[in-house]
mmCIF file of all heavy atoms, coordinates in Angstrom:
data_MODEL
# 
_entry.id   MODEL 
# 
loop_
_atom_site.group_PDB 
_atom_site.id 
_atom_site.type_symbol 
_atom_site.label_atom_id 
_atom_site.label_alt_id 
_atom_site.label_comp_id 
_atom_site.label_asym_id 
_atom_site.label_entity_id 
_atom_site.label_seq_id 
_atom_site.pdbx_PDB_ins_code 
_atom_site.Cartn_x 
_atom_site.Cartn_y 
_atom_site.Cartn_z 
_atom_site.occupancy 
_atom_site.B_iso_or_equiv 
_atom_site.pdbx_formal_charge 
_atom_site.auth_seq_id 
_atom_site.auth_comp_id 
_atom_site.auth_asym_id 
_atom_site.auth_atom_id 
_atom_site.pdbx_PDB_model_num 
ATOM 1   N N   . GLU A 1 1  ? 16.684 -23.611 -20.861 1.00 0.00 ? 1  GLU A N   1 
ATOM 2   C CA  . GLU A 1 1  ? 17.802 -23.705 -21.760 1.00 0.00 ? 1  GLU A CA  1 
ATOM 3   C C   . GLU A 1 1  ? 17.589 -22.950 -23.021 1.00 0.00 ? 1  GLU A C   1 
ATOM 4   O O   . GLU A 1 1  ? 18.547 -22.430 -23.559 1.00 0.00 ? 1  GLU A O   1 
ATOM 5   C CB  . GLU A 1 1  ? 18.008 -25.250 -22.063 1.00 0.00 ? 1  GLU A CB  1 
ATOM 6   C CG  . GLU A 1 1  ? 18.778 -25.959 -21.047 1.00 0.00 ? 1  GLU A CG  1 
ATOM 7   C CD  . GLU A 1 1  ? 19.217 -27.346 -21.564 1.00 0.00 ? 1  GLU A CD  1 
ATOM 8   O OE1 . GLU A 1 1  ? 19.029 -27.639 -22.712 1.00 0.00 ? 1  GLU A OE1 1 
ATOM 9   O OE2 . GLU A 1 1  ? 19.797 -28.136 -20.747 1.00 0.00 ? 1  GLU A OE2 1 
ATOM 10  N N   . ILE A 1 2  ? 16.318 -22.930 -23.522 1.00 0.00 ? 2  ILE A N   1 
ATOM 11  C CA  . ILE A 1 2  ? 16.129 -22.192 -24.740 1.00 0.00 ? 2  ILE A CA  1 
ATOM 12  C C   . ILE A 1 2  ? 16.310 -20.735 -24.460 1.00 0.00 ? 2  ILE A C   1 
ATOM 13  O O   . ILE A 1 2  ? 16.695 -19.930 -25.382 1.00 0.00 ? 2  ILE A O   1 
ATOM 14  C CB  . ILE A 1 2  ? 14.599 -22.442 -25.222 1.00 0.00 ? 2  ILE A CB  1 
ATOM 15  C CG1 . ILE A 1 2  ? 14.512 -23.914 -25.733 1.00 0.00 ? 2  ILE A CG1 1 
ATOM 16  C CG2 . ILE A 1 2  ? 14.196 -21.440 -26.238 1.00 0.00 ? 2  ILE A CG2 1 
ATOM 17  C CD1 . ILE A 1 2  ? 13.140 -24.353 -26.033 1.00 0.00 ? 2  ILE A CD1 1 
ATOM 18  N N   . GLY A 1 3  ? 15.988 -20.280 -23.248 1.00 0.00 ? 3  GLY A N   1 
ATOM 19  C CA  . GLY A 1 3  ? 16.126 -18.783 -22.948 1.00 0.00 ? 3  GLY A CA  1 
ATOM 20  C C   . GLY A 1 3  ? 14.945 -18.008 -22.725 1.00 0.00 ? 3  GLY A C   1 
ATOM 21  O O   . GLY A 1 3  ? 15.021 -16.792 -22.745 1.00 0.00 ? 3  GLY A O   1 
ATOM 22  N N   . PHE A 1 4  ? 13.790 -18.619 -22.388 1.00 0.00 ? 4  PHE A N   1 
ATOM 23  C CA  . PHE A 1 4  ? 12.567 -17.904 -22.071 1.00 0.00 ? 4  PHE A CA  1 
ATOM 24  C C   . PHE A 1 4  ? 12.779 -17.088 -20.876 1.00 0.00 ? 4  PHE A C   1 
ATOM 25  O O   . PHE A 1 4  ? 13.362 -17.582 -19.791 1.00 0.00 ? 4  PHE A O   1 
ATOM 26  C CB  . PHE A 1 4  ? 11.413 -18.824 -21.959 1.00 0.00 ? 4  PHE A CB  1 
ATOM 27  C CG  . PHE A 1 4  ? 10.893 -19.388 -23.250 1.00 0.00 ? 4  PHE A CG  1 
ATOM 28  C CD1 . PHE A 1 4  ? 11.200 -20.696 -23.647 1.00 0.00 ? 4  PHE A CD1 1 
ATOM 29  C CD2 . PHE A 1 4  ? 10.179 -18.534 -24.137 1.00 0.00 ? 4  PHE A CD2 1 
ATOM 30  C CE1 . PHE A 1 4  ? 10.717 -21.125 -24.909 1.00 0.00 ? 4  PHE A CE1 1 
ATOM 31  C CE2 . PHE A 1 4  ? 9.665  -19.019 -25.305 1.00 0.00 ? 4  PHE A CE2 1 
ATOM 32  C CZ  . PHE A 1 4  ? 10.009 -20.336 -25.626 1.00 0.00 ? 4  PHE A CZ  1 
ATOM 33  N N   . LYS A 1 5  ? 12.289 -15.902 -20.815 1.00 0.00 ? 5  LYS A N   1 
ATOM 34  C CA  . LYS A 1 5  ? 12.473 -14.899 -19.669 1.00 0.00 ? 5  LYS A CA  1 
ATOM 35  C C   . LYS A 1 5  ? 11.408 -15.067 -18.642 1.00 0.00 ? 5  LYS A C   1 
ATOM 36  O O   . LYS A 1 5  ? 11.590 -14.647 -17.481 1.00 0.00 ? 5  LYS A O   1 
ATOM 37  C CB  . LYS A 1 5  ? 12.539 -13.514 -20.208 1.00 0.00 ? 5  LYS A CB  1 
ATOM 38  C CG  . LYS A 1 5  ? 13.622 -13.333 -21.287 1.00 0.00 ? 5  LYS A CG  1 
ATOM 39  C CD  . LYS A 1 5  ? 13.444 -11.968 -21.946 1.00 0.00 ? 5  LYS A CD  1 
ATOM 40  C CE  . LYS A 1 5  ? 14.433 -11.736 -23.082 1.00 0.00 ? 5  LYS A CE  1 
ATOM 41  N NZ  . LYS A 1 5  ? 14.124 -12.599 -24.261 1.00 0.00 ? 5  LYS A NZ  1 
ATOM 42  N N   . ASN A 1 6  ? 10.260 -15.611 -18.992 1.00 0.00 ? 6  ASN A N   1 
ATOM 43  C CA  . ASN A 1 6  ? 9.078  -15.716 -18.057 1.00 0.00 ? 6  ASN A CA  1 
ATOM 44  C C   . ASN A 1 6  ? 8.464  -17.037 -18.362 1.00 0.00 ? 6  ASN A C   1 
ATOM 45  O O   . ASN A 1 6  ? 7.953  -17.236 -19.401 1.00 0.00 ? 6  ASN A O   1 
ATOM 46  C CB  . ASN A 1 6  ? 8.135  -14.615 -18.285 1.00 0.00 ? 6  ASN A CB  1 
ATOM 47  C CG  . ASN A 1 6  ? 6.902  -14.639 -17.313 1.00 0.00 ? 6  ASN A CG  1 
ATOM 48  O OD1 . ASN A 1 6  ? 7.057  -15.064 -16.186 1.00 0.00 ? 6  ASN A OD1 1 
ATOM 49  N ND2 . ASN A 1 6  ? 5.739  -14.343 -17.870 1.00 0.00 ? 6  ASN A ND2 1 
ATOM 50  N N   . ILE A 1 7  ? 8.475  -17.918 -17.283 1.00 0.00 ? 7  ILE A N   1 
ATOM 51  C CA  . ILE A 1 7  ? 7.935  -19.255 -17.527 1.00 0.00 ? 7  ILE A CA  1 
ATOM 52  C C   . ILE A 1 7  ? 6.722  -19.498 -16.518 1.00 0.00 ? 7  ILE A C   1 
ATOM 53  O O   . ILE A 1 7  ? 6.884  -19.302 -15.351 1.00 0.00 ? 7  ILE A O   1 
ATOM 54  C CB  . ILE A 1 7  ? 9.062  -20.353 -17.325 1.00 0.00 ? 7  ILE A CB  1 
ATOM 55  C CG1 . ILE A 1 7  ? 10.105 -20.147 -18.296 1.00 0.00 ? 7  ILE A CG1 1 
ATOM 56  C CG2 . ILE A 1 7  ? 8.540  -21.751 -17.367 1.00 0.00 ? 7  ILE A CG2 1 
ATOM 57  C CD1 . ILE A 1 7  ? 11.414 -21.024 -18.091 1.00 0.00 ? 7  ILE A CD1 1 
ATOM 58  N N   . ILE A 1 8  ? 5.671  -19.923 -17.144 1.00 0.00 ? 8  ILE A N   1 
ATOM 59  C CA  . ILE A 1 8  ? 4.460  -20.184 -16.292 1.00 0.00 ? 8  ILE A CA  1 
ATOM 60  C C   . ILE A 1 8  ? 4.051  -21.675 -16.535 1.00 0.00 ? 8  ILE A C   1 
ATOM 61  O O   . ILE A 1 8  ? 3.825  -22.168 -17.590 1.00 0.00 ? 8  ILE A O   1 
ATOM 62  C CB  . ILE A 1 8  ? 3.303  -19.278 -16.673 1.00 0.00 ? 8  ILE A CB  1 
ATOM 63  C CG1 . ILE A 1 8  ? 3.681  -17.812 -16.583 1.00 0.00 ? 8  ILE A CG1 1 
ATOM 64  C CG2 . ILE A 1 8  ? 2.087  -19.580 -15.877 1.00 0.00 ? 8  ILE A CG2 1 
ATOM 65  C CD1 . ILE A 1 8  ? 2.649  -16.848 -17.069 1.00 0.00 ? 8  ILE A CD1 1 
ATOM 66  N N   . GLY A 1 9  ? 3.983  -22.395 -15.392 1.00 0.00 ? 9  GLY A N   1 
ATOM 67  C CA  . GLY A 1 9  ? 3.547  -23.772 -15.433 1.00 0.00 ? 9  GLY A CA  1 
ATOM 68  C C   . GLY A 1 9  ? 2.161  -23.917 -14.826 1.00 0.00 ? 9  GLY A C   1 
ATOM 69  O O   . GLY A 1 9  ? 1.922  -23.270 -13.734 1.00 0.00 ? 9  GLY A O   1 
ATOM 70  N N   . ILE A 1 10 ? 1.261  -24.589 -15.420 1.00 0.00 ? 10 ILE A N   1 
ATOM 71  C CA  . ILE A 1 10 ? -0.080 -24.834 -14.939 1.00 0.00 ? 10 ILE A CA  1 
ATOM 72  C C   . ILE A 1 10 ? -0.299 -26.288 -14.648 1.00 0.00 ? 10 ILE A C   1 
ATOM 73  O O   . ILE A 1 10 ? -0.061 -27.183 -15.541 1.00 0.00 ? 10 ILE A O   1 
ATOM 74  C CB  . ILE A 1 10 ? -1.163 -24.339 -15.951 1.00 0.00 ? 10 ILE A CB  1 
ATOM 75  C CG1 . ILE A 1 10 ? -0.941 -22.871 -16.265 1.00 0.00 ? 10 ILE A CG1 1 
ATOM 76  C CG2 . ILE A 1 10 ? -2.535 -24.585 -15.403 1.00 0.00 ? 10 ILE A CG2 1 
ATOM 77  C CD1 . ILE A 1 10 ? -1.613 -22.380 -17.494 1.00 0.00 ? 10 ILE A CD1 1 
ATOM 78  N N   . GLU A 1 11 ? -0.597 -26.645 -13.416 1.00 0.00 ? 11 GLU A N   1 
ATOM 79  C CA  . GLU A 1 11 ? -0.652 -28.021 -13.050 1.00 0.00 ? 11 GLU A CA  1 
ATOM 80  C C   . GLU A 1 11 ? -1.844 -28.259 -12.085 1.00 0.00 ? 11 GLU A C   1 
ATOM 81  O O   . GLU A 1 11 ? -1.977 -27.588 -11.021 1.00 0.00 ? 11 GLU A O   1 
ATOM 82  C CB  . GLU A 1 11 ? 0.653  -28.474 -12.401 1.00 0.00 ? 11 GLU A CB  1 
ATOM 83  C CG  . GLU A 1 11 ? 0.638  -29.961 -11.935 1.00 0.00 ? 11 GLU A CG  1 
ATOM 84  C CD  . GLU A 1 11 ? 0.287  -30.934 -12.974 1.00 0.00 ? 11 GLU A CD  1 
ATOM 85  O OE1 . GLU A 1 11 ? 0.963  -30.970 -13.964 1.00 0.00 ? 11 GLU A OE1 1 
ATOM 86  O OE2 . GLU A 1 11 ? -0.730 -31.691 -12.771 1.00 0.00 ? 11 GLU A OE2 1 
ATOM 87  N N   . LYS A 1 12 ? -2.617 -29.259 -12.301 1.00 0.00 ? 12 LYS A N   1 
ATOM 88  C CA  . LYS A 1 12 ? -3.739 -29.600 -11.398 1.00 0.00 ? 12 LYS A CA  1 
ATOM 89  C C   . LYS A 1 12 ? -3.411 -30.480 -10.236 1.00 0.00 ? 12 LYS A C   1 
ATOM 90  O O   . LYS A 1 12 ? -3.970 -30.404 -9.195  1.00 0.00 ? 12 LYS A O   1 
ATOM 91  C CB  . LYS A 1 12 ? -4.830 -30.335 -12.255 1.00 0.00 ? 12 LYS A CB  1 
ATOM 92  C CG  . LYS A 1 12 ? -6.149 -30.631 -11.572 1.00 0.00 ? 12 LYS A CG  1 
ATOM 93  C CD  . LYS A 1 12 ? -7.181 -31.209 -12.510 1.00 0.00 ? 12 LYS A CD  1 
ATOM 94  C CE  . LYS A 1 12 ? -8.438 -31.501 -11.837 1.00 0.00 ? 12 LYS A CE  1 
ATOM 95  N NZ  . LYS A 1 12 ? -9.485 -32.020 -12.776 1.00 0.00 ? 12 LYS A NZ  1 
ATOM 96  N N   . ASN A 1 13 ? -2.417 -31.317 -10.504 1.00 0.00 ? 13 ASN A N   1 
ATOM 97  C CA  . ASN A 1 13 ? -1.934 -32.287 -9.447  1.00 0.00 ? 13 ASN A CA  1 
ATOM 98  C C   . ASN A 1 13 ? -1.054 -31.513 -8.412  1.00 0.00 ? 13 ASN A C   1 
ATOM 99  O O   . ASN A 1 13 ? -0.044 -31.036 -8.690  1.00 0.00 ? 13 ASN A O   1 
ATOM 100 C CB  . ASN A 1 13 ? -1.236 -33.421 -10.098 1.00 0.00 ? 13 ASN A CB  1 
ATOM 101 C CG  . ASN A 1 13 ? -0.791 -34.526 -9.160  1.00 0.00 ? 13 ASN A CG  1 
ATOM 102 O OD1 . ASN A 1 13 ? -0.159 -34.243 -8.048  1.00 0.00 ? 13 ASN A OD1 1 
ATOM 103 N ND2 . ASN A 1 13 ? -1.155 -35.774 -9.463  1.00 0.00 ? 13 ASN A ND2 1 
ATOM 104 N N   . ILE A 1 14 ? -1.484 -31.446 -7.125  1.00 0.00 ? 14 ILE A N   1 
ATOM 105 C CA  . ILE A 1 14 ? -0.846 -30.691 -6.109  1.00 0.00 ? 14 ILE A CA  1 
ATOM 106 C C   . ILE A 1 14 ? 0.587  -31.271 -5.793  1.00 0.00 ? 14 ILE A C   1 
ATOM 107 O O   . ILE A 1 14 ? 1.541  -30.520 -5.510  1.00 0.00 ? 14 ILE A O   1 
ATOM 108 C CB  . ILE A 1 14 ? -1.639 -30.560 -4.824  1.00 0.00 ? 14 ILE A CB  1 
ATOM 109 C CG1 . ILE A 1 14 ? -0.911 -29.611 -3.907  1.00 0.00 ? 14 ILE A CG1 1 
ATOM 110 C CG2 . ILE A 1 14 ? -1.851 -32.018 -4.263  1.00 0.00 ? 14 ILE A CG2 1 
ATOM 111 C CD1 . ILE A 1 14 ? -0.759 -28.240 -4.342  1.00 0.00 ? 14 ILE A CD1 1 
ATOM 112 N N   . ASP A 1 15 ? 0.704  -32.550 -5.941  1.00 0.00 ? 15 ASP A N   1 
ATOM 113 C CA  . ASP A 1 15 ? 2.082  -33.216 -5.713  1.00 0.00 ? 15 ASP A CA  1 
ATOM 114 C C   . ASP A 1 15 ? 3.119  -32.705 -6.724  1.00 0.00 ? 15 ASP A C   1 
ATOM 115 O O   . ASP A 1 15 ? 4.225  -32.361 -6.410  1.00 0.00 ? 15 ASP A O   1 
ATOM 116 C CB  . ASP A 1 15 ? 2.020  -34.714 -5.758  1.00 0.00 ? 15 ASP A CB  1 
ATOM 117 C CG  . ASP A 1 15 ? 1.203  -35.251 -4.519  1.00 0.00 ? 15 ASP A CG  1 
ATOM 118 O OD1 . ASP A 1 15 ? 1.266  -34.578 -3.521  1.00 0.00 ? 15 ASP A OD1 1 
ATOM 119 O OD2 . ASP A 1 15 ? 0.564  -36.307 -4.634  1.00 0.00 ? 15 ASP A OD2 1 
ATOM 120 N N   . TYR A 1 16 ? 2.664  -32.571 -7.990  1.00 0.00 ? 16 TYR A N   1 
ATOM 121 C CA  . TYR A 1 16 ? 3.615  -32.124 -9.053  1.00 0.00 ? 16 TYR A CA  1 
ATOM 122 C C   . TYR A 1 16 ? 3.887  -30.634 -8.812  1.00 0.00 ? 16 TYR A C   1 
ATOM 123 O O   . TYR A 1 16 ? 5.074  -30.193 -9.011  1.00 0.00 ? 16 TYR A O   1 
ATOM 124 C CB  . TYR A 1 16 ? 2.987  -32.288 -10.410 1.00 0.00 ? 16 TYR A CB  1 
ATOM 125 C CG  . TYR A 1 16 ? 2.851  -33.741 -10.899 1.00 0.00 ? 16 TYR A CG  1 
ATOM 126 C CD1 . TYR A 1 16 ? 1.786  -34.121 -11.712 1.00 0.00 ? 16 TYR A CD1 1 
ATOM 127 C CD2 . TYR A 1 16 ? 3.724  -34.715 -10.493 1.00 0.00 ? 16 TYR A CD2 1 
ATOM 128 C CE1 . TYR A 1 16 ? 1.697  -35.476 -12.180 1.00 0.00 ? 16 TYR A CE1 1 
ATOM 129 C CE2 . TYR A 1 16 ? 3.638  -36.050 -10.881 1.00 0.00 ? 16 TYR A CE2 1 
ATOM 130 C CZ  . TYR A 1 16 ? 2.554  -36.370 -11.814 1.00 0.00 ? 16 TYR A CZ  1 
ATOM 131 O OH  . TYR A 1 16 ? 2.498  -37.738 -12.178 1.00 0.00 ? 16 TYR A OH  1 
ATOM 132 N N   . VAL A 1 17 ? 2.931  -29.867 -8.440  1.00 0.00 ? 17 VAL A N   1 
ATOM 133 C CA  . VAL A 1 17 ? 3.213  -28.473 -8.028  1.00 0.00 ? 17 VAL A CA  1 
ATOM 134 C C   . VAL A 1 17 ? 4.157  -28.343 -7.034  1.00 0.00 ? 17 VAL A C   1 
ATOM 135 O O   . VAL A 1 17 ? 5.128  -27.525 -7.169  1.00 0.00 ? 17 VAL A O   1 
ATOM 136 C CB  . VAL A 1 17 ? 1.816  -27.793 -7.648  1.00 0.00 ? 17 VAL A CB  1 
ATOM 137 C CG1 . VAL A 1 17 ? 2.072  -26.346 -7.133  1.00 0.00 ? 17 VAL A CG1 1 
ATOM 138 C CG2 . VAL A 1 17 ? 0.833  -27.761 -8.767  1.00 0.00 ? 17 VAL A CG2 1 
ATOM 139 N N   . ILE A 1 18 ? 4.051  -29.073 -5.801  1.00 0.00 ? 18 ILE A N   1 
ATOM 140 C CA  . ILE A 1 18 ? 4.918  -28.931 -4.794  1.00 0.00 ? 18 ILE A CA  1 
ATOM 141 C C   . ILE A 1 18 ? 6.299  -29.394 -5.140  1.00 0.00 ? 18 ILE A C   1 
ATOM 142 O O   . ILE A 1 18 ? 7.350  -28.716 -4.855  1.00 0.00 ? 18 ILE A O   1 
ATOM 143 C CB  . ILE A 1 18 ? 4.436  -29.869 -3.553  1.00 0.00 ? 18 ILE A CB  1 
ATOM 144 C CG1 . ILE A 1 18 ? 3.180  -29.262 -2.983  1.00 0.00 ? 18 ILE A CG1 1 
ATOM 145 C CG2 . ILE A 1 18 ? 5.558  -29.922 -2.481  1.00 0.00 ? 18 ILE A CG2 1 
ATOM 146 C CD1 . ILE A 1 18 ? 2.504  -30.126 -2.003  1.00 0.00 ? 18 ILE A CD1 1 
ATOM 147 N N   . ASN A 1 19 ? 6.425  -30.499 -5.963  1.00 0.00 ? 19 ASN A N   1 
ATOM 148 C CA  . ASN A 1 19 ? 7.705  -30.990 -6.310  1.00 0.00 ? 19 ASN A CA  1 
ATOM 149 C C   . ASN A 1 19 ? 8.414  -30.108 -7.337  1.00 0.00 ? 19 ASN A C   1 
ATOM 150 O O   . ASN A 1 19 ? 9.721  -29.833 -7.186  1.00 0.00 ? 19 ASN A O   1 
ATOM 151 C CB  . ASN A 1 19 ? 7.625  -32.359 -7.031  1.00 0.00 ? 19 ASN A CB  1 
ATOM 152 C CG  . ASN A 1 19 ? 7.201  -33.516 -6.007  1.00 0.00 ? 19 ASN A CG  1 
ATOM 153 O OD1 . ASN A 1 19 ? 7.375  -33.289 -4.795  1.00 0.00 ? 19 ASN A OD1 1 
ATOM 154 N ND2 . ASN A 1 19 ? 6.634  -34.597 -6.488  1.00 0.00 ? 19 ASN A ND2 1 
ATOM 155 N N   . THR A 1 20 ? 7.696  -29.491 -8.224  1.00 0.00 ? 20 THR A N   1 
ATOM 156 C CA  . THR A 1 20 ? 8.263  -28.614 -9.218  1.00 0.00 ? 20 THR A CA  1 
ATOM 157 C C   . THR A 1 20 ? 8.758  -27.229 -8.535  1.00 0.00 ? 20 THR A C   1 
ATOM 158 O O   . THR A 1 20 ? 9.851  -26.809 -8.859  1.00 0.00 ? 20 THR A O   1 
ATOM 159 C CB  . THR A 1 20 ? 7.382  -28.232 -10.341 1.00 0.00 ? 20 THR A CB  1 
ATOM 160 O OG1 . THR A 1 20 ? 6.981  -29.538 -11.010 1.00 0.00 ? 20 THR A OG1 1 
ATOM 161 C CG2 . THR A 1 20 ? 7.955  -27.327 -11.372 1.00 0.00 ? 20 THR A CG2 1 
ATOM 162 N N   . LYS A 1 21 ? 7.930  -26.754 -7.698  1.00 0.00 ? 21 LYS A N   1 
ATOM 163 C CA  . LYS A 1 21 ? 8.359  -25.578 -6.984  1.00 0.00 ? 21 LYS A CA  1 
ATOM 164 C C   . LYS A 1 21 ? 9.650  -25.812 -6.163  1.00 0.00 ? 21 LYS A C   1 
ATOM 165 O O   . LYS A 1 21 ? 10.574 -24.975 -6.019  1.00 0.00 ? 21 LYS A O   1 
ATOM 166 C CB  . LYS A 1 21 ? 7.183  -25.084 -5.974  1.00 0.00 ? 21 LYS A CB  1 
ATOM 167 C CG  . LYS A 1 21 ? 6.080  -24.400 -6.739  1.00 0.00 ? 21 LYS A CG  1 
ATOM 168 C CD  . LYS A 1 21 ? 5.072  -23.853 -5.657  1.00 0.00 ? 21 LYS A CD  1 
ATOM 169 C CE  . LYS A 1 21 ? 4.022  -23.070 -6.490  1.00 0.00 ? 21 LYS A CE  1 
ATOM 170 N NZ  . LYS A 1 21 ? 2.937  -22.518 -5.466  1.00 0.00 ? 21 LYS A NZ  1 
ATOM 171 N N   . LYS A 1 22 ? 9.762  -26.966 -5.515  1.00 0.00 ? 22 LYS A N   1 
ATOM 172 C CA  . LYS A 1 22 ? 10.990 -27.307 -4.799  1.00 0.00 ? 22 LYS A CA  1 
ATOM 173 C C   . LYS A 1 22 ? 12.183 -27.430 -5.691  1.00 0.00 ? 22 LYS A C   1 
ATOM 174 O O   . LYS A 1 22 ? 13.217 -26.920 -5.316  1.00 0.00 ? 22 LYS A O   1 
ATOM 175 C CB  . LYS A 1 22 ? 10.686 -28.671 -4.042  1.00 0.00 ? 22 LYS A CB  1 
ATOM 176 C CG  . LYS A 1 22 ? 11.847 -29.057 -3.161  1.00 0.00 ? 22 LYS A CG  1 
ATOM 177 C CD  . LYS A 1 22 ? 11.533 -30.327 -2.355  1.00 0.00 ? 22 LYS A CD  1 
ATOM 178 C CE  . LYS A 1 22 ? 12.698 -30.781 -1.492  1.00 0.00 ? 22 LYS A CE  1 
ATOM 179 N NZ  . LYS A 1 22 ? 12.439 -31.971 -0.686  1.00 0.00 ? 22 LYS A NZ  1 
ATOM 180 N N   . LYS A 1 23 ? 11.960 -28.020 -6.815  1.00 0.00 ? 23 LYS A N   1 
ATOM 181 C CA  . LYS A 1 23 ? 13.104 -28.198 -7.814  1.00 0.00 ? 23 LYS A CA  1 
ATOM 182 C C   . LYS A 1 23 ? 13.645 -26.849 -8.261  1.00 0.00 ? 23 LYS A C   1 
ATOM 183 O O   . LYS A 1 23 ? 14.886 -26.677 -8.464  1.00 0.00 ? 23 LYS A O   1 
ATOM 184 C CB  . LYS A 1 23 ? 12.706 -29.066 -9.002  1.00 0.00 ? 23 LYS A CB  1 
ATOM 185 C CG  . LYS A 1 23 ? 12.562 -30.480 -8.773  1.00 0.00 ? 23 LYS A CG  1 
ATOM 186 C CD  . LYS A 1 23 ? 12.156 -31.144 -10.061 1.00 0.00 ? 23 LYS A CD  1 
ATOM 187 C CE  . LYS A 1 23 ? 12.002 -32.718 -9.804  1.00 0.00 ? 23 LYS A CE  1 
ATOM 188 N NZ  . LYS A 1 23 ? 11.523 -33.360 -11.021 1.00 0.00 ? 23 LYS A NZ  1 
ATOM 189 N N   . PHE A 1 24 ? 12.701 -25.899 -8.462  1.00 0.00 ? 24 PHE A N   1 
ATOM 190 C CA  . PHE A 1 24 ? 13.103 -24.649 -9.034  1.00 0.00 ? 24 PHE A CA  1 
ATOM 191 C C   . PHE A 1 24 ? 12.985 -23.450 -8.084  1.00 0.00 ? 24 PHE A C   1 
ATOM 192 O O   . PHE A 1 24 ? 12.705 -22.312 -8.432  1.00 0.00 ? 24 PHE A O   1 
ATOM 193 C CB  . PHE A 1 24 ? 12.256 -24.354 -10.281 1.00 0.00 ? 24 PHE A CB  1 
ATOM 194 C CG  . PHE A 1 24 ? 12.397 -25.293 -11.372 1.00 0.00 ? 24 PHE A CG  1 
ATOM 195 C CD1 . PHE A 1 24 ? 11.567 -26.424 -11.501 1.00 0.00 ? 24 PHE A CD1 1 
ATOM 196 C CD2 . PHE A 1 24 ? 13.431 -25.215 -12.284 1.00 0.00 ? 24 PHE A CD2 1 
ATOM 197 C CE1 . PHE A 1 24 ? 11.698 -27.383 -12.553 1.00 0.00 ? 24 PHE A CE1 1 
ATOM 198 C CE2 . PHE A 1 24 ? 13.631 -26.071 -13.368 1.00 0.00 ? 24 PHE A CE2 1 
ATOM 199 C CZ  . PHE A 1 24 ? 12.732 -27.195 -13.411 1.00 0.00 ? 24 PHE A CZ  1 
ATOM 200 N N   . GLN A 1 25 ? 13.124 -23.731 -6.747  1.00 0.00 ? 25 GLN A N   1 
ATOM 201 C CA  . GLN A 1 25 ? 12.907 -22.718 -5.788  1.00 0.00 ? 25 GLN A CA  1 
ATOM 202 C C   . GLN A 1 25 ? 13.800 -21.506 -5.827  1.00 0.00 ? 25 GLN A C   1 
ATOM 203 O O   . GLN A 1 25 ? 13.406 -20.453 -5.407  1.00 0.00 ? 25 GLN A O   1 
ATOM 204 C CB  . GLN A 1 25 ? 13.068 -23.435 -4.384  1.00 0.00 ? 25 GLN A CB  1 
ATOM 205 C CG  . GLN A 1 25 ? 14.329 -23.992 -4.048  1.00 0.00 ? 25 GLN A CG  1 
ATOM 206 C CD  . GLN A 1 25 ? 14.362 -24.812 -2.725  1.00 0.00 ? 25 GLN A CD  1 
ATOM 207 O OE1 . GLN A 1 25 ? 13.465 -24.586 -1.885  1.00 0.00 ? 25 GLN A OE1 1 
ATOM 208 N NE2 . GLN A 1 25 ? 15.367 -25.586 -2.532  1.00 0.00 ? 25 GLN A NE2 1 
ATOM 209 N N   . ASP A 1 26 ? 14.976 -21.689 -6.445  1.00 0.00 ? 26 ASP A N   1 
ATOM 210 C CA  . ASP A 1 26 ? 15.881 -20.580 -6.536  1.00 0.00 ? 26 ASP A CA  1 
ATOM 211 C C   . ASP A 1 26 ? 15.847 -19.881 -7.912  1.00 0.00 ? 26 ASP A C   1 
ATOM 212 O O   . ASP A 1 26 ? 16.561 -19.012 -8.214  1.00 0.00 ? 26 ASP A O   1 
ATOM 213 C CB  . ASP A 1 26 ? 17.342 -21.047 -6.345  1.00 0.00 ? 26 ASP A CB  1 
ATOM 214 C CG  . ASP A 1 26 ? 17.566 -21.580 -4.905  1.00 0.00 ? 26 ASP A CG  1 
ATOM 215 O OD1 . ASP A 1 26 ? 16.967 -21.047 -3.986  1.00 0.00 ? 26 ASP A OD1 1 
ATOM 216 O OD2 . ASP A 1 26 ? 18.264 -22.621 -4.755  1.00 0.00 ? 26 ASP A OD2 1 
ATOM 217 N N   . ASN A 1 27 ? 14.790 -20.290 -8.745  1.00 0.00 ? 27 ASN A N   1 
ATOM 218 C CA  . ASN A 1 27 ? 14.726 -19.715 -10.064 1.00 0.00 ? 27 ASN A CA  1 
ATOM 219 C C   . ASN A 1 27 ? 13.629 -18.602 -10.094 1.00 0.00 ? 27 ASN A C   1 
ATOM 220 O O   . ASN A 1 27 ? 12.464 -18.865 -9.806  1.00 0.00 ? 27 ASN A O   1 
ATOM 221 C CB  . ASN A 1 27 ? 14.326 -20.753 -11.066 1.00 0.00 ? 27 ASN A CB  1 
ATOM 222 C CG  . ASN A 1 27 ? 14.523 -20.316 -12.505 1.00 0.00 ? 27 ASN A CG  1 
ATOM 223 O OD1 . ASN A 1 27 ? 13.850 -19.540 -12.930 1.00 0.00 ? 27 ASN A OD1 1 
ATOM 224 N ND2 . ASN A 1 27 ? 15.567 -20.865 -13.181 1.00 0.00 ? 27 ASN A ND2 1 
ATOM 225 N N   . LYS A 1 28 ? 14.076 -17.407 -10.432 1.00 0.00 ? 28 LYS A N   1 
ATOM 226 C CA  . LYS A 1 28 ? 13.178 -16.245 -10.437 1.00 0.00 ? 28 LYS A CA  1 
ATOM 227 C C   . LYS A 1 28 ? 12.350 -16.110 -11.720 1.00 0.00 ? 28 LYS A C   1 
ATOM 228 O O   . LYS A 1 28 ? 11.417 -15.278 -11.830 1.00 0.00 ? 28 LYS A O   1 
ATOM 229 C CB  . LYS A 1 28 ? 14.066 -14.961 -10.282 1.00 0.00 ? 28 LYS A CB  1 
ATOM 230 C CG  . LYS A 1 28 ? 14.983 -14.720 -11.465 1.00 0.00 ? 28 LYS A CG  1 
ATOM 231 C CD  . LYS A 1 28 ? 15.789 -13.500 -11.291 1.00 0.00 ? 28 LYS A CD  1 
ATOM 232 C CE  . LYS A 1 28 ? 16.781 -13.239 -12.411 1.00 0.00 ? 28 LYS A CE  1 
ATOM 233 N NZ  . LYS A 1 28 ? 17.594 -11.970 -12.164 1.00 0.00 ? 28 LYS A NZ  1 
# 
């Protein structure tokens, strides 16, 4: 929403990684 052009998320918990990738799977 703020308008960042490149977003990097760092996460140790694999379940959160999988869920987040699924939520944003169409986001480049």
